[in-house]
């Protein structure tokens, strides 16, 4: 998808539409966290992103790929900063998350346990 605001909205809707069979709270959390990772991709990425959502009986897995090699940073929230909370939210709420380098691009992923968060 193109790395712009309209694509962010469409991508969040895609996550919600893909997860109609999971509990509402997990779907809502997946949309929120995907939005944070997607926004990072648009702000810091190379003008495009790929989104993948997978489910299994006990988890949801979301991946966002873009063309930048750098890894996202979990910043401590601060009243002095207008941005930088996204990965702190992902870190606090996802069951697990990480970054993988795949050739010329990176993939930021997170998992949510359907039986409740394990963190």
PDB file of N, CA and C in Angstrom:
ATOM      1  N   UNK A   1       0.844  -1.176   0.000  1.00  0.00           N
ATOM      2  CA  UNK A   1       0.000   0.000   0.000  1.00  0.00           C
ATOM      3  C   UNK A   1       0.891   1.242   0.000  1.00  0.00           C
ATOM      4  N   UNK A   2       0.352   2.304  -0.515  1.00  0.00           N
ATOM      5  CA  UNK A   2       1.069   3.573  -0.486  1.00  0.00           C
ATOM      6  C   UNK A   2       1.162   4.057   0.953  1.00  0.00           C
ATOM      7  N   UNK A   3       2.255   4.656   1.311  1.00  0.00           N
ATOM      8  CA  UNK A   3       2.475   5.137   2.668  1.00  0.00           C
ATOM      9  C   UNK A   3       1.857   6.498   2.890  1.00  0.00           C
ATOM     10  N   UNK A   4       0.535   6.581   2.931  1.00  0.00           N
ATOM     11  CA  UNK A   4      -0.136   7.856   3.160  1.00  0.00           C
ATOM     12  C   UNK A   4      -1.310   7.670   4.121  1.00  0.00           C
ATOM     13  N   UNK A   5      -1.937   8.775   4.512  1.00  0.00           N
ATOM     14  CA  UNK A   5      -3.003   8.736   5.520  1.00  0.00           C
ATOM     15  C   UNK A   5      -4.198   7.900   5.060  1.00  0.00           C
ATOM     16  N   UNK A   6      -4.570   7.984   3.802  1.00  0.00           N
ATOM     17  CA  UNK A   6      -5.702   7.200   3.305  1.00  0.00           C
ATOM     18  C   UNK A   6      -5.410   5.708   3.404  1.00  0.00           C
ATOM     19  N   UNK A   7      -4.181   5.322   3.104  1.00  0.00           N
ATOM     20  CA  UNK A   7      -3.806   3.914   3.208  1.00  0.00           C
ATOM     21  C   UNK A   7      -3.801   3.441   4.657  1.00  0.00           C
ATOM     22  N   UNK A   8      -3.418   4.315   5.583  1.00  0.00           N
ATOM     23  CA  UNK A   8      -3.470   3.955   7.004  1.00  0.00           C
ATOM     24  C   UNK A   8      -4.892   3.609   7.412  1.00  0.00           C
ATOM     25  N   UNK A   9      -5.831   4.448   7.022  1.00  0.00           N
ATOM     26  CA  UNK A   9      -7.237   4.207   7.347  1.00  0.00           C
ATOM     27  C   UNK A   9      -7.699   2.888   6.734  1.00  0.00           C
ATOM     28  N   UNK A  10      -7.384   2.681   5.467  1.00  0.00           N
ATOM     29  CA  UNK A  10      -7.787   1.455   4.781  1.00  0.00           C
ATOM     30  C   UNK A  10      -7.161   0.228   5.439  1.00  0.00           C
ATOM     31  N   UNK A  11      -5.907   0.333   5.838  1.00  0.00           N
ATOM     32  CA  UNK A  11      -5.214  -0.794   6.465  1.00  0.00           C
ATOM     33  C   UNK A  11      -5.832  -1.139   7.816  1.00  0.00           C
ATOM     34  N   UNK A  12      -6.177  -0.140   8.608  1.00  0.00           N
ATOM     35  CA  UNK A  12      -6.835  -0.410   9.895  1.00  0.00           C
ATOM     36  C   UNK A  12      -8.177  -1.108   9.665  1.00  0.00           C
ATOM     37  N   UNK A  13      -8.918  -0.665   8.649  1.00  0.00           N
ATOM     38  CA  UNK A  13     -10.188  -1.321   8.316  1.00  0.00           C
ATOM     39  C   UNK A  13      -9.954  -2.764   7.866  1.00  0.00           C
ATOM     40  N   UNK A  14      -8.879  -3.001   7.133  1.00  0.00           N
ATOM     41  CA  UNK A  14      -8.561  -4.356   6.701  1.00  0.00           C
ATOM     42  C   UNK A  14      -8.299  -5.265   7.897  1.00  0.00           C
ATOM     43  N   UNK A  15      -7.579  -4.751   8.899  1.00  0.00           N
ATOM     44  CA  UNK A  15      -7.322  -5.546  10.099  1.00  0.00           C
ATOM     45  C   UNK A  15      -8.645  -5.890  10.778  1.00  0.00           C
ATOM     46  N   UNK A  16      -9.492  -4.907  10.973  1.00  0.00           N
ATOM     47  CA  UNK A  16     -10.789  -5.147  11.621  1.00  0.00           C
ATOM     48  C   UNK A  16     -11.627  -6.134  10.820  1.00  0.00           C
ATOM     49  N   UNK A  17     -11.669  -5.970   9.497  1.00  0.00           N
ATOM     50  CA  UNK A  17     -12.465  -6.859   8.649  1.00  0.00           C
ATOM     51  C   UNK A  17     -11.937  -8.282   8.637  1.00  0.00           C
ATOM     52  N   UNK A  18     -10.625  -8.438   8.773  1.00  0.00           N
ATOM     53  CA  UNK A  18     -10.007  -9.767   8.795  1.00  0.00           C
ATOM     54  C   UNK A  18     -10.294 -10.488  10.103  1.00  0.00           C
ATOM     55  N   UNK A  19     -10.464  -9.741  11.176  1.00  0.00           N
ATOM     56  CA  UNK A  19     -10.577 -10.339  12.515  1.00  0.00           C
ATOM     57  C   UNK A  19     -12.012 -10.362  13.045  1.00  0.00           C
ATOM     58  N   UNK A  20     -12.979 -10.567  12.190  1.00  0.00           N
ATOM     59  CA  UNK A  20     -14.378 -10.584  12.640  1.00  0.00           C
ATOM     60  C   UNK A  20     -14.700 -11.787  13.516  1.00  0.00           C
ATOM     61  N   UNK A  21     -13.878 -12.839  13.461  1.00  0.00           N
ATOM     62  CA  UNK A  21     -14.151 -14.043  14.246  1.00  0.00           C
ATOM     63  C   UNK A  21     -13.423 -14.101  15.573  1.00  0.00           C
ATOM     64  N   UNK A  22     -12.711 -13.044  15.947  1.00  0.00           N
ATOM     65  CA  UNK A  22     -12.025 -13.026  17.237  1.00  0.00           C
ATOM     66  C   UNK A  22     -12.814 -12.137  18.194  1.00  0.00           C
ATOM     67  N   UNK A  23     -12.597 -12.286  19.503  1.00  0.00           N
ATOM     68  CA  UNK A  23     -13.312 -11.428  20.465  1.00  0.00           C
ATOM     69  C   UNK A  23     -13.092  -9.945  20.161  1.00  0.00           C
ATOM     70  N   UNK A  24     -14.126  -9.154  20.415  1.00  0.00           N
ATOM     71  CA  UNK A  24     -14.080  -7.723  20.103  1.00  0.00           C
ATOM     72  C   UNK A  24     -12.886  -7.022  20.727  1.00  0.00           C
ATOM     73  N   UNK A  25     -12.558  -7.358  21.994  1.00  0.00           N
ATOM     74  CA  UNK A  25     -11.453  -6.658  22.646  1.00  0.00           C
ATOM     75  C   UNK A  25     -10.115  -6.966  21.977  1.00  0.00           C
ATOM     76  N   UNK A  26      -9.942  -8.186  21.497  1.00  0.00           N
ATOM     77  CA  UNK A  26      -8.710  -8.546  20.806  1.00  0.00           C
ATOM     78  C   UNK A  26      -8.662  -7.861  19.436  1.00  0.00           C
ATOM     79  N   UNK A  27      -9.788  -7.857  18.725  1.00  0.00           N
ATOM     80  CA  UNK A  27      -9.835  -7.175  17.425  1.00  0.00           C
ATOM     81  C   UNK A  27      -9.524  -5.692  17.594  1.00  0.00           C
ATOM     82  N   UNK A  28     -10.144  -5.055  18.598  1.00  0.00           N
ATOM     83  CA  UNK A  28      -9.902  -3.627  18.822  1.00  0.00           C
ATOM     84  C   UNK A  28      -8.436  -3.359  19.157  1.00  0.00           C
ATOM     85  N   UNK A  29      -7.837  -4.231  19.975  1.00  0.00           N
ATOM     86  CA  UNK A  29      -6.425  -4.065  20.321  1.00  0.00           C
ATOM     87  C   UNK A  29      -5.546  -4.267  19.090  1.00  0.00           C
ATOM     88  N   UNK A  30      -5.878  -5.247  18.252  1.00  0.00           N
ATOM     89  CA  UNK A  30      -5.099  -5.482  17.036  1.00  0.00           C
ATOM     90  C   UNK A  30      -5.166  -4.271  16.111  1.00  0.00           C
ATOM     91  N   UNK A  31      -6.341  -3.660  15.986  1.00  0.00           N
ATOM     92  CA  UNK A  31      -6.483  -2.469  15.145  1.00  0.00           C
ATOM     93  C   UNK A  31      -5.652  -1.322  15.718  1.00  0.00           C
ATOM     94  N   UNK A  32      -5.720  -1.125  17.034  1.00  0.00           N
ATOM     95  CA  UNK A  32      -4.941  -0.066  17.674  1.00  0.00           C
ATOM     96  C   UNK A  32      -3.445  -0.268  17.451  1.00  0.00           C
ATOM     97  N   UNK A  33      -2.950  -1.469  17.755  1.00  0.00           N
ATOM     98  CA  UNK A  33      -1.513  -1.726  17.637  1.00  0.00           C
ATOM     99  C   UNK A  33      -1.057  -1.693  16.185  1.00  0.00           C
ATOM    100  N   UNK A  34      -1.869  -2.238  15.283  1.00  0.00           N
ATOM    101  CA  UNK A  34      -1.525  -2.157  13.862  1.00  0.00           C
ATOM    102  C   UNK A  34      -1.442  -0.701  13.431  1.00  0.00           C
ATOM    103  N   UNK A  35      -2.362   0.122  13.909  1.00  0.00           N
ATOM    104  CA  UNK A  35      -2.323   1.545  13.578  1.00  0.00           C
ATOM    105  C   UNK A  35      -1.037   2.204  14.029  1.00  0.00           C
ATOM    106  N   UNK A  36      -0.559   1.827  15.202  1.00  0.00           N
ATOM    107  CA  UNK A  36       0.700   2.398  15.706  1.00  0.00           C
ATOM    108  C   UNK A  36       1.883   1.972  14.844  1.00  0.00           C
ATOM    109  N   UNK A  37       1.950   0.678  14.520  1.00  0.00           N
ATOM    110  CA  UNK A  37       3.060   0.184  13.704  1.00  0.00           C
ATOM    111  C   UNK A  37       2.969   0.746  12.285  1.00  0.00           C
ATOM    112  N   UNK A  38       1.766   0.804  11.739  1.00  0.00           N
ATOM    113  CA  UNK A  38       1.572   1.363  10.399  1.00  0.00           C
ATOM    114  C   UNK A  38       1.956   2.839  10.343  1.00  0.00           C
ATOM    115  N   UNK A  39       1.574   3.587  11.362  1.00  0.00           N
ATOM    116  CA  UNK A  39       1.921   5.009  11.399  1.00  0.00           C
ATOM    117  C   UNK A  39       3.432   5.183  11.416  1.00  0.00           C
ATOM    118  N   UNK A  40       4.132   4.364  12.209  1.00  0.00           N
ATOM    119  CA  UNK A  40       5.603   4.414  12.205  1.00  0.00           C
ATOM    120  C   UNK A  40       6.141   4.147  10.808  1.00  0.00           C
ATOM    121  N   UNK A  41       5.553   3.190  10.132  1.00  0.00           N
ATOM    122  CA  UNK A  41       6.002   2.849   8.791  1.00  0.00           C
ATOM    123  C   UNK A  41       5.813   4.023   7.828  1.00  0.00           C
ATOM    124  N   UNK A  42       4.688   4.705   7.936  1.00  0.00           N
ATOM    125  CA  UNK A  42       4.424   5.840   7.051  1.00  0.00           C
ATOM    126  C   UNK A  42       5.335   7.018   7.392  1.00  0.00           C
ATOM    127  N   UNK A  43       5.494   7.300   8.681  1.00  0.00           N
ATOM    128  CA  UNK A  43       6.302   8.456   9.097  1.00  0.00           C
ATOM    129  C   UNK A  43       7.789   8.222   8.830  1.00  0.00           C
ATOM    130  N   UNK A  44       8.272   7.014   9.113  1.00  0.00           N
ATOM    131  CA  UNK A  44       9.705   6.750   9.024  1.00  0.00           C
ATOM    132  C   UNK A  44      10.079   5.852   7.849  1.00  0.00           C
ATOM    133  N   UNK A  45       9.095   5.299   7.156  1.00  0.00           N
ATOM    134  CA  UNK A  45       9.336   4.322   6.098  1.00  0.00           C
ATOM    135  C   UNK A  45       9.627   4.946   4.756  1.00  0.00           C
ATOM    136  N   UNK A  46       9.664   4.091   3.763  1.00  0.00           N
ATOM    137  CA  UNK A  46      10.071   4.511   2.436  1.00  0.00           C
ATOM    138  C   UNK A  46       8.938   4.749   1.461  1.00  0.00           C
ATOM    139  N   UNK A  47       7.762   5.121   1.927  1.00  0.00           N
ATOM    140  CA  UNK A  47       6.679   5.470   1.016  1.00  0.00           C
ATOM    141  C   UNK A  47       5.715   4.349   0.702  1.00  0.00           C
ATOM    142  N   UNK A  48       5.933   3.154   1.262  1.00  0.00           N
ATOM    143  CA  UNK A  48       5.006   2.049   1.061  1.00  0.00           C
ATOM    144  C   UNK A  48       5.068   1.133   2.276  1.00  0.00           C
ATOM    145  N   UNK A  49       4.055   0.307   2.418  1.00  0.00           N
ATOM    146  CA  UNK A  49       4.086  -0.736   3.441  1.00  0.00           C
ATOM    147  C   UNK A  49       3.275  -1.925   2.964  1.00  0.00           C
ATOM    148  N   UNK A  50       3.593  -3.066   3.520  1.00  0.00           N
ATOM    149  CA  UNK A  50       2.835  -4.296   3.307  1.00  0.00           C
ATOM    150  C   UNK A  50       2.275  -4.727   4.650  1.00  0.00           C
ATOM    151  N   UNK A  51       1.035  -5.148   4.654  1.00  0.00           N
ATOM    152  CA  UNK A  51       0.357  -5.570   5.870  1.00  0.00           C
ATOM    153  C   UNK A  51      -0.070  -7.014   5.721  1.00  0.00           C
ATOM    154  N   UNK A  52       0.194  -7.820   6.747  1.00  0.00           N
ATOM    155  CA  UNK A  52      -0.256  -9.207   6.759  1.00  0.00           C
ATOM    156  C   UNK A  52      -0.862  -9.497   8.123  1.00  0.00           C
ATOM    157  N   UNK A  53      -2.029 -10.135   8.118  1.00  0.00           N
ATOM    158  CA  UNK A  53      -2.721 -10.517   9.351  1.00  0.00           C
ATOM    159  C   UNK A  53      -2.995 -12.008   9.279  1.00  0.00           C
ATOM    160  N   UNK A  54      -2.552 -12.745  10.283  1.00  0.00           N
ATOM    161  CA  UNK A  54      -2.780 -14.188  10.366  1.00  0.00           C
ATOM    162  C   UNK A  54      -3.450 -14.505  11.691  1.00  0.00           C
ATOM    163  N   UNK A  55      -4.260 -15.545  11.678  1.00  0.00           N
ATOM    164  CA  UNK A  55      -4.887 -15.997  12.916  1.00  0.00           C
ATOM    165  C   UNK A  55      -4.701 -17.494  13.067  1.00  0.00           C
ATOM    166  N   UNK A  56      -4.762 -17.924  14.290  1.00  0.00           N
ATOM    167  CA  UNK A  56      -4.758 -19.331  14.663  1.00  0.00           C
ATOM    168  C   UNK A  56      -5.761 -19.458  15.803  1.00  0.00           C
ATOM    169  N   UNK A  57      -6.043 -20.661  16.247  1.00  0.00           N
ATOM    170  CA  UNK A  57      -7.033 -20.798  17.318  1.00  0.00           C
ATOM    171  C   UNK A  57      -6.725 -20.013  18.593  1.00  0.00           C
ATOM    172  N   UNK A  58      -5.428 -19.748  18.850  1.00  0.00           N
ATOM    173  CA  UNK A  58      -5.104 -19.106  20.116  1.00  0.00           C
ATOM    174  C   UNK A  58      -4.345 -17.783  19.991  1.00  0.00           C
ATOM    175  N   UNK A  59      -4.152 -17.256  18.780  1.00  0.00           N
ATOM    176  CA  UNK A  59      -3.435 -15.998  18.639  1.00  0.00           C
ATOM    177  C   UNK A  59      -3.761 -15.282  17.339  1.00  0.00           C
ATOM    178  N   UNK A  60      -3.414 -13.989  17.330  1.00  0.00           N
ATOM    179  CA  UNK A  60      -3.457 -13.134  16.141  1.00  0.00           C
ATOM    180  C   UNK A  60      -2.036 -12.656  15.917  1.00  0.00           C
ATOM    181  N   UNK A  61      -1.598 -12.695  14.663  1.00  0.00           N
ATOM    182  CA  UNK A  61      -0.249 -12.249  14.305  1.00  0.00           C
ATOM    183  C   UNK A  61      -0.378 -11.197  13.214  1.00  0.00           C
ATOM    184  N   UNK A  62       0.251 -10.033  13.417  1.00  0.00           N
ATOM    185  CA  UNK A  62       0.203  -8.937  12.451  1.00  0.00           C
ATOM    186  C   UNK A  62       1.634  -8.560  12.094  1.00  0.00           C
ATOM    187  N   UNK A  63       1.882  -8.376  10.785  1.00  0.00           N
ATOM    188  CA  UNK A  63       3.188  -7.940  10.294  1.00  0.00           C
ATOM    189  C   UNK A  63       3.021  -6.704   9.429  1.00  0.00           C
ATOM    190  N   UNK A  64       3.948  -5.764   9.579  1.00  0.00           N
ATOM    191  CA  UNK A  64       4.010  -4.586   8.721  1.00  0.00           C
ATOM    192  C   UNK A  64       5.430  -4.489   8.197  1.00  0.00           C
ATOM    193  N   UNK A  65       5.561  -4.553   6.881  1.00  0.00           N
ATOM    194  CA  UNK A  65       6.872  -4.447   6.232  1.00  0.00           C
ATOM    195  C   UNK A  65       6.993  -3.089   5.554  1.00  0.00           C
ATOM    196  N   UNK A  66       8.204  -2.540   5.559  1.00  0.00           N
ATOM    197  CA  UNK A  66       8.493  -1.327   4.787  1.00  0.00           C
ATOM    198  C   UNK A  66       9.941  -1.374   4.330  1.00  0.00           C
ATOM    199  N   UNK A  67      10.356  -0.363   3.595  1.00  0.00           N
ATOM    200  CA  UNK A  67      11.672  -0.404   2.946  1.00  0.00           C
ATOM    201  C   UNK A  67      12.796   0.216   3.761  1.00  0.00           C
ATOM    202  N   UNK A  68      12.545   0.580   4.997  1.00  0.00           N
ATOM    203  CA  UNK A  68      13.623   1.158   5.792  1.00  0.00           C
ATOM    204  C   UNK A  68      14.271   0.090   6.658  1.00  0.00           C
ATOM    205  N   UNK A  69      15.592   0.128   6.795  1.00  0.00           N
ATOM    206  CA  UNK A  69      16.280  -0.905   7.556  1.00  0.00           C
ATOM    207  C   UNK A  69      16.278  -0.680   9.068  1.00  0.00           C
ATOM    208  N   UNK A  70      16.032   0.533   9.527  1.00  0.00           N
ATOM    209  CA  UNK A  70      16.132   0.825  10.957  1.00  0.00           C
ATOM    210  C   UNK A  70      15.040   0.170  11.781  1.00  0.00           C
ATOM    211  N   UNK A  71      15.338  -0.039  13.039  1.00  0.00           N
ATOM    212  CA  UNK A  71      14.370  -0.651  13.947  1.00  0.00           C
ATOM    213  C   UNK A  71      13.632   0.432  14.732  1.00  0.00           C
ATOM    214  N   UNK A  72      12.364   0.191  15.022  1.00  0.00           N
ATOM    215  CA  UNK A  72      11.636   1.161  15.841  1.00  0.00           C
ATOM    216  C   UNK A  72      12.183   1.174  17.258  1.00  0.00           C
ATOM    217  N   UNK A  73      12.030   2.302  17.906  1.00  0.00           N
ATOM    218  CA  UNK A  73      12.530   2.482  19.263  1.00  0.00           C
ATOM    219  C   UNK A  73      11.350   2.662  20.215  1.00  0.00           C
ATOM    220  N   UNK A  74      11.422   1.969  21.334  1.00  0.00           N
ATOM    221  CA  UNK A  74      10.422   2.163  22.381  1.00  0.00           C
ATOM    222  C   UNK A  74      10.896   3.327  23.242  1.00  0.00           C
ATOM    223  N   UNK A  75      10.172   4.437  23.149  1.00  0.00           N
ATOM    224  CA  UNK A  75      10.521   5.629  23.916  1.00  0.00           C
ATOM    225  C   UNK A  75       9.669   5.691  25.176  1.00  0.00           C
ATOM    226  N   UNK A  76      10.211   6.249  26.205  1.00  0.00           N
ATOM    227  CA  UNK A  76       9.426   6.491  27.411  1.00  0.00           C
ATOM    228  C   UNK A  76       8.496   7.658  27.151  1.00  0.00           C
ATOM    229  N   UNK A  77       7.220   7.500  27.458  1.00  0.00           N
ATOM    230  CA  UNK A  77       6.295   8.627  27.270  1.00  0.00           C
ATOM    231  C   UNK A  77       6.762   9.851  28.049  1.00  0.00           C
ATOM    232  N   UNK A  78       6.575  10.997  27.434  1.00  0.00           N
ATOM    233  CA  UNK A  78       7.000  12.244  28.052  1.00  0.00           C
ATOM    234  C   UNK A  78       5.991  13.332  27.725  1.00  0.00           C
ATOM    235  N   UNK A  79       5.727  14.168  28.683  1.00  0.00           N
ATOM    236  CA  UNK A  79       4.828  15.300  28.445  1.00  0.00           C
ATOM    237  C   UNK A  79       5.444  16.327  27.514  1.00  0.00           C
ATOM    238  N   UNK A  80       6.761  16.274  27.369  1.00  0.00           N
ATOM    239  CA  UNK A  80       7.476  17.230  26.531  1.00  0.00           C
ATOM    240  C   UNK A  80       7.476  16.846  25.050  1.00  0.00           C
ATOM    241  N   UNK A  81       7.009  15.633  24.739  1.00  0.00           N
ATOM    242  CA  UNK A  81       7.061  15.129  23.369  1.00  0.00           C
ATOM    243  C   UNK A  81       5.641  14.930  22.845  1.00  0.00           C
ATOM    244  N   UNK A  82       5.398  15.374  21.613  1.00  0.00           N
ATOM    245  CA  UNK A  82       4.089  15.200  20.987  1.00  0.00           C
ATOM    246  C   UNK A  82       3.954  13.858  20.288  1.00  0.00           C
ATOM    247  N   UNK A  83       5.016  13.112  20.169  1.00  0.00           N
ATOM    248  CA  UNK A  83       4.995  11.838  19.454  1.00  0.00           C
ATOM    249  C   UNK A  83       5.881  10.840  20.178  1.00  0.00           C
ATOM    250  N   UNK A  84       5.969   9.640  19.651  1.00  0.00           N
ATOM    251  CA  UNK A  84       6.892   8.664  20.205  1.00  0.00           C
ATOM    252  C   UNK A  84       6.277   7.694  21.189  1.00  0.00           C
ATOM    253  N   UNK A  85       4.950   7.644  21.273  1.00  0.00           N
ATOM    254  CA  UNK A  85       4.300   6.736  22.216  1.00  0.00           C
ATOM    255  C   UNK A  85       3.900   5.412  21.580  1.00  0.00           C
ATOM    256  N   UNK A  86       3.890   5.345  20.249  1.00  0.00           N
ATOM    257  CA  UNK A  86       3.353   4.189  19.543  1.00  0.00           C
ATOM    258  C   UNK A  86       3.994   2.872  19.919  1.00  0.00           C
ATOM    259  N   UNK A  87       5.295   2.782  19.871  1.00  0.00           N
ATOM    260  CA  UNK A  87       5.951   1.513  20.181  1.00  0.00           C
ATOM    261  C   UNK A  87       5.898   1.198  21.664  1.00  0.00           C
ATOM    262  N   UNK A  88       5.784   2.215  22.521  1.00  0.00           N
ATOM    263  CA  UNK A  88       5.585   1.952  23.946  1.00  0.00           C
ATOM    264  C   UNK A  88       4.230   1.279  24.160  1.00  0.00           C
ATOM    265  N   UNK A  89       3.221   1.693  23.394  1.00  0.00           N
ATOM    266  CA  UNK A  89       1.896   1.062  23.478  1.00  0.00           C
ATOM    267  C   UNK A  89       1.979  -0.381  22.988  1.00  0.00           C
ATOM    268  N   UNK A  90       2.659  -0.590  21.871  1.00  0.00           N
ATOM    269  CA  UNK A  90       2.827  -1.949  21.342  1.00  0.00           C
ATOM    270  C   UNK A  90       3.568  -2.808  22.362  1.00  0.00           C
ATOM    271  N   UNK A  91       4.640  -2.275  22.923  1.00  0.00           N
ATOM    272  CA  UNK A  91       5.437  -3.019  23.898  1.00  0.00           C
ATOM    273  C   UNK A  91       4.614  -3.393  25.130  1.00  0.00           C
ATOM    274  N   UNK A  92       3.756  -2.491  25.555  1.00  0.00           N
ATOM    275  CA  UNK A  92       2.960  -2.733  26.768  1.00  0.00           C
ATOM    276  C   UNK A  92       1.788  -3.676  26.522  1.00  0.00           C
ATOM    277  N   UNK A  93       1.198  -3.663  25.326  1.00  0.00           N
ATOM    278  CA  UNK A  93      -0.056  -4.360  25.116  1.00  0.00           C
ATOM    279  C   UNK A  93       0.044  -5.662  24.322  1.00  0.00           C
ATOM    280  N   UNK A  94       1.042  -5.815  23.475  1.00  0.00           N
ATOM    281  CA  UNK A  94       1.169  -7.035  22.681  1.00  0.00           C
ATOM    282  C   UNK A  94       1.666  -8.179  23.554  1.00  0.00           C
ATOM    283  N   UNK A  95       1.234  -9.387  23.224  1.00  0.00           N
ATOM    284  CA  UNK A  95       1.759 -10.571  23.912  1.00  0.00           C
ATOM    285  C   UNK A  95       3.239 -10.730  23.612  1.00  0.00           C
ATOM    286  N   UNK A  96       3.629 -10.395  22.384  1.00  0.00           N
ATOM    287  CA  UNK A  96       5.026 -10.415  21.945  1.00  0.00           C
ATOM    288  C   UNK A  96       5.117  -9.510  20.727  1.00  0.00           C
ATOM    289  N   UNK A  97       6.318  -8.994  20.469  1.00  0.00           N
ATOM    290  CA  UNK A  97       6.552  -8.217  19.251  1.00  0.00           C
ATOM    291  C   UNK A  97       8.031  -8.261  18.924  1.00  0.00           C
ATOM    292  N   UNK A  98       8.354  -7.917  17.692  1.00  0.00           N
ATOM    293  CA  UNK A  98       9.745  -7.915  17.297  1.00  0.00           C
ATOM    294  C   UNK A  98       9.939  -7.296  15.931  1.00  0.00           C
ATOM    295  N   UNK A  99      11.191  -7.333  15.489  1.00  0.00           N
ATOM    296  CA  UNK A  99      11.584  -6.772  14.201  1.00  0.00           C
ATOM    297  C   UNK A  99      12.479  -7.789  13.515  1.00  0.00           C
ATOM    298  N   UNK A 100      12.236  -7.992  12.222  1.00  0.00           N
ATOM    299  CA  UNK A 100      13.076  -8.883  11.431  1.00  0.00           C
ATOM    300  C   UNK A 100      13.535  -8.140  10.182  1.00  0.00           C
ATOM    301  N   UNK A 101      14.798  -8.301   9.854  1.00  0.00           N
ATOM    302  CA  UNK A 101      15.323  -7.771   8.591  1.00  0.00           C
ATOM    303  C   UNK A 101      15.146  -8.851   7.536  1.00  0.00           C
ATOM    304  N   UNK A 102      14.486  -8.512   6.447  1.00  0.00           N
ATOM    305  CA  UNK A 102      14.258  -9.464   5.354  1.00  0.00           C
ATOM    306  C   UNK A 102      14.731  -8.815   4.062  1.00  0.00           C
ATOM    307  N   UNK A 103      15.955  -9.130   3.707  1.00  0.00           N
ATOM    308  CA  UNK A 103      16.513  -8.535   2.496  1.00  0.00           C
ATOM    309  C   UNK A 103      16.631  -7.034   2.641  1.00  0.00           C
ATOM    310  N   UNK A 104      16.004  -6.304   1.724  1.00  0.00           N
ATOM    311  CA  UNK A 104      16.117  -4.852   1.718  1.00  0.00           C
ATOM    312  C   UNK A 104      15.055  -4.154   2.562  1.00  0.00           C
ATOM    313  N   UNK A 105      14.264  -4.901   3.286  1.00  0.00           N
ATOM    314  CA  UNK A 105      13.225  -4.265   4.099  1.00  0.00           C
ATOM    315  C   UNK A 105      13.150  -4.902   5.483  1.00  0.00           C
ATOM    316  N   UNK A 106      12.396  -4.252   6.339  1.00  0.00           N
ATOM    317  CA  UNK A 106      12.211  -4.779   7.690  1.00  0.00           C
ATOM    318  C   UNK A 106      10.740  -5.123   7.882  1.00  0.00           C
ATOM    319  N   UNK A 107      10.498  -6.000   8.831  1.00  0.00           N
ATOM    320  CA  UNK A 107       9.144  -6.372   9.211  1.00  0.00           C
ATOM    321  C   UNK A 107       9.020  -6.177  10.714  1.00  0.00           C
ATOM    322  N   UNK A 108       8.054  -5.359  11.103  1.00  0.00           N
ATOM    323  CA  UNK A 108       7.709  -5.207  12.514  1.00  0.00           C
ATOM    324  C   UNK A 108       6.453  -6.039  12.721  1.00  0.00           C
ATOM    325  N   UNK A 109       6.478  -6.921  13.710  1.00  0.00           N
ATOM    326  CA  UNK A 109       5.363  -7.821  13.944  1.00  0.00           C
ATOM    327  C   UNK A 109       4.937  -7.771  15.405  1.00  0.00           C
ATOM    328  N   UNK A 110       3.685  -8.169  15.637  1.00  0.00           N
ATOM    329  CA  UNK A 110       3.224  -8.369  17.005  1.00  0.00           C
ATOM    330  C   UNK A 110       2.215  -9.499  17.036  1.00  0.00           C
ATOM    331  N   UNK A 111       2.106 -10.116  18.211  1.00  0.00           N
ATOM    332  CA  UNK A 111       1.135 -11.174  18.462  1.00  0.00           C
ATOM    333  C   UNK A 111       0.229 -10.762  19.599  1.00  0.00           C
ATOM    334  N   UNK A 112      -1.020 -11.195  19.506  1.00  0.00           N
ATOM    335  CA  UNK A 112      -1.976 -11.062  20.596  1.00  0.00           C
ATOM    336  C   UNK A 112      -2.539 -12.450  20.890  1.00  0.00           C
ATOM    337  N   UNK A 113      -2.502 -12.835  22.142  1.00  0.00           N
ATOM    338  CA  UNK A 113      -3.068 -14.118  22.546  1.00  0.00           C
ATOM    339  C   UNK A 113      -4.583 -13.973  22.658  1.00  0.00           C
ATOM    340  N   UNK A 114      -5.322 -14.914  22.072  1.00  0.00           N
ATOM    341  CA  UNK A 114      -6.779 -14.820  22.114  1.00  0.00           C
ATOM    342  C   UNK A 114      -7.331 -15.129  23.500  1.00  0.00           C
ATOM    343  N   UNK A 115      -6.574 -15.834  24.310  1.00  0.00           N
ATOM    344  CA  UNK A 115      -7.037 -16.156  25.653  1.00  0.00           C
ATOM    345  C   UNK A 115      -6.704 -15.068  26.653  1.00  0.00           C
ATOM    346  N   UNK A 116      -6.273 -13.937  26.188  1.00  0.00           N
ATOM    347  CA  UNK A 116      -5.851 -12.842  27.080  1.00  0.00           C
ATOM    348  C   UNK A 116      -4.384 -12.580  26.866  1.00  0.00           C
ATOM    349  N   UNK A 117      -3.961 -11.380  27.176  1.00  0.00           N
ATOM    350  CA  UNK A 117      -2.574 -11.021  26.973  1.00  0.00           C
ATOM    351  C   UNK A 117      -1.705 -11.695  28.011  1.00  0.00           C
ATOM    352  N   UNK A 118      -0.522 -12.135  27.586  1.00  0.00           N
ATOM    353  CA  UNK A 118       0.347 -12.902  28.466  1.00  0.00           C
ATOM    354  C   UNK A 118       1.426 -12.070  29.109  1.00  0.00           C
ATOM    355  N   UNK A 119       1.450 -10.790  28.878  1.00  0.00           N
ATOM    356  CA  UNK A 119       2.490  -9.929  29.467  1.00  0.00           C
ATOM    357  C   UNK A 119       2.173  -9.613  30.891  1.00  0.00           C
TER     358      UNK A 119
END
